[in-house]
Amino acid sequence: MSLAGRWRIVEMDAWDRDDIDLIEPGFIEFAEDGTGQFGFIAVHGWMDCRSTKRDGQPYVEFSWEGDDEGDQVSGRGWATLAADDTLEGHLFIHMGDDSGFRAAPFARADPSDRR
């Protein structure tokens, strides 16, 4: 299974579901061309991704830049496919917070999440 596609962020270590979905349903999306984007709370980021495999599973590391309520922010992160076909990863905000996350393919997420 590839990491390409749109994933619904269903859990983060640092924030609860209501916070994650403050503006829109939390998501992370990987494109085949090595770019991507994510959104949660009031943070929206655009990613530059580098894909590989670790332990036979798809793995991606990325740097990102974006905004948080209009303030410029940047950082880095990684994601990998878990045994249950969910996505596990960690996102770091430069000089700020960081959090682990878990995401599921939108196809398996609640249809009401597709705003």
Protein backbone atom coordinates (compact mmCIF):
# COMPACT_ATOMS: atom_id res chain seq x y z
CA MET A 1 0.00 0.00 0.00
CA SER A 2 1.32 3.42 -0.98
CA LEU A 3 1.19 6.49 1.24
CA ALA A 4 -0.10 8.59 -1.68
CA GLY A 5 -3.57 9.98 -1.12
CA ARG A 6 -5.54 11.91 1.46
CA TRP A 7 -5.54 10.61 5.02
CA ARG A 8 -7.86 11.64 7.87
CA ILE A 9 -5.96 12.54 11.05
CA VAL A 10 -7.87 10.61 13.70
CA GLU A 11 -5.53 11.05 16.66
CA MET A 12 -2.67 13.28 17.82
CA ASP A 13 -0.63 13.02 21.00
CA ALA A 14 -0.75 16.75 21.79
CA TRP A 15 -4.34 17.64 20.85
CA ASP A 16 -7.78 16.06 21.14
CA ARG A 17 -10.15 15.43 18.22
CA ASP A 18 -12.12 18.67 18.70
CA ASP A 19 -8.90 20.68 18.52
CA ILE A 20 -7.62 18.74 15.49
CA ASP A 21 -10.86 19.48 13.62
CA LEU A 22 -11.16 23.15 14.67
CA ILE A 23 -11.25 24.61 11.12
CA GLU A 24 -11.85 21.48 9.02
CA PRO A 25 -11.38 17.74 9.48
CA GLY A 26 -7.67 17.17 10.16
CA PHE A 27 -5.86 15.66 7.19
CA ILE A 28 -2.49 14.87 5.66
CA GLU A 29 -2.11 14.29 1.92
CA PHE A 30 0.79 12.88 -0.08
CA ALA A 31 1.00 13.37 -3.85
CA GLU A 32 2.87 11.09 -6.27
CA ASP A 33 5.13 14.01 -7.28
CA GLY A 34 6.78 14.26 -3.83
CA THR A 35 4.68 17.12 -2.52
CA GLY A 36 1.85 17.18 -0.05
CA GLN A 37 -0.12 19.20 2.42
CA PHE A 38 -1.77 18.89 5.81
CA GLY A 39 -4.20 20.76 8.00
CA PHE A 40 -5.21 20.55 11.64
CA ILE A 41 -6.34 23.11 14.24
CA ALA A 42 -5.48 26.41 12.44
CA VAL A 43 -2.24 25.09 10.90
CA HIS A 44 -1.95 24.47 7.16
CA GLY A 45 1.33 23.21 5.74
CA TRP A 46 2.79 22.39 2.33
CA MET A 47 5.31 19.56 2.28
CA ASP A 48 8.44 18.58 0.35
CA CYS A 49 8.57 14.79 0.75
CA ARG A 50 11.26 12.13 0.35
CA SER A 51 9.94 8.57 0.13
CA THR A 52 11.73 5.32 0.91
CA LYS A 53 11.02 2.00 2.64
CA ARG A 54 11.92 0.95 6.16
CA ASP A 55 11.42 -2.60 7.35
CA GLY A 56 9.67 -3.26 4.03
CA GLN A 57 7.02 -0.57 4.64
CA PRO A 58 6.55 2.76 2.84
CA TYR A 59 8.15 5.61 4.78
CA VAL A 60 8.31 9.33 4.06
CA GLU A 61 10.27 12.18 5.62
CA PHE A 62 9.26 15.73 4.87
CA SER A 63 10.01 19.36 5.50
CA TRP A 64 7.16 21.82 5.40
CA GLU A 65 6.21 25.46 5.53
CA GLY A 66 2.83 27.01 6.08
CA ASP A 67 0.77 29.21 8.32
CA ASP A 68 -0.86 29.10 11.73
CA GLU A 69 -3.63 31.70 11.97
CA GLY A 70 -1.74 33.85 9.45
CA ASP A 71 1.69 33.49 11.10
CA GLN A 72 4.40 31.85 9.01
CA VAL A 73 5.52 28.48 10.43
CA SER A 74 7.73 25.64 9.24
CA GLY A 75 9.00 22.30 10.39
CA ARG A 76 9.64 18.68 9.55
CA GLY A 77 8.05 15.29 10.03
CA TRP A 78 7.77 11.67 9.00
CA ALA A 79 5.09 9.06 8.37
CA THR A 80 4.96 5.33 7.79
CA LEU A 81 2.37 2.69 7.12
CA ALA A 82 1.40 0.71 10.23
CA ALA A 83 0.49 -2.98 10.27
CA ASP A 84 -3.25 -2.14 10.32
CA ASP A 85 -2.93 0.03 7.16
CA THR A 86 -3.21 3.25 9.13
CA LEU A 87 -0.58 5.96 8.94
CA GLU A 88 1.63 6.70 11.93
CA GLY A 89 3.95 9.65 12.09
CA HIS A 90 5.28 12.68 13.89
CA LEU A 91 5.07 16.35 13.00
CA PHE A 92 7.44 19.02 14.36
CA ILE A 93 6.83 22.78 14.30
CA HIS A 94 10.16 24.65 14.18
CA MET A 95 10.81 26.23 17.58
CA GLY A 96 7.36 25.08 18.75
CA ASP A 97 5.16 22.11 19.48
CA ASP A 98 5.46 18.60 18.12
CA SER A 99 3.07 15.67 18.13
CA GLY A 100 2.73 12.11 17.02
CA PHE A 101 -0.30 11.37 14.88
CA ARG A 102 -2.35 8.52 13.47
CA ALA A 103 -4.40 8.79 10.27
CA ALA A 104 -6.78 6.56 8.31
CA PRO A 105 -7.58 6.66 4.60
CA PHE A 106 -10.55 8.98 3.99
CA ALA A 107 -12.27 6.03 2.27
CA ARG A 108 -12.48 4.37 5.71
CA ALA A 109 -13.26 7.58 7.60
CA ASP A 110 -16.71 8.89 8.45
CA PRO A 111 -18.43 10.31 5.32
CA SER A 112 -19.33 13.45 7.31
CA ASP A 113 -15.59 14.21 7.49
CA ARG A 114 -15.44 15.02 3.77
CA ARG A 115 -16.10 18.76 3.85
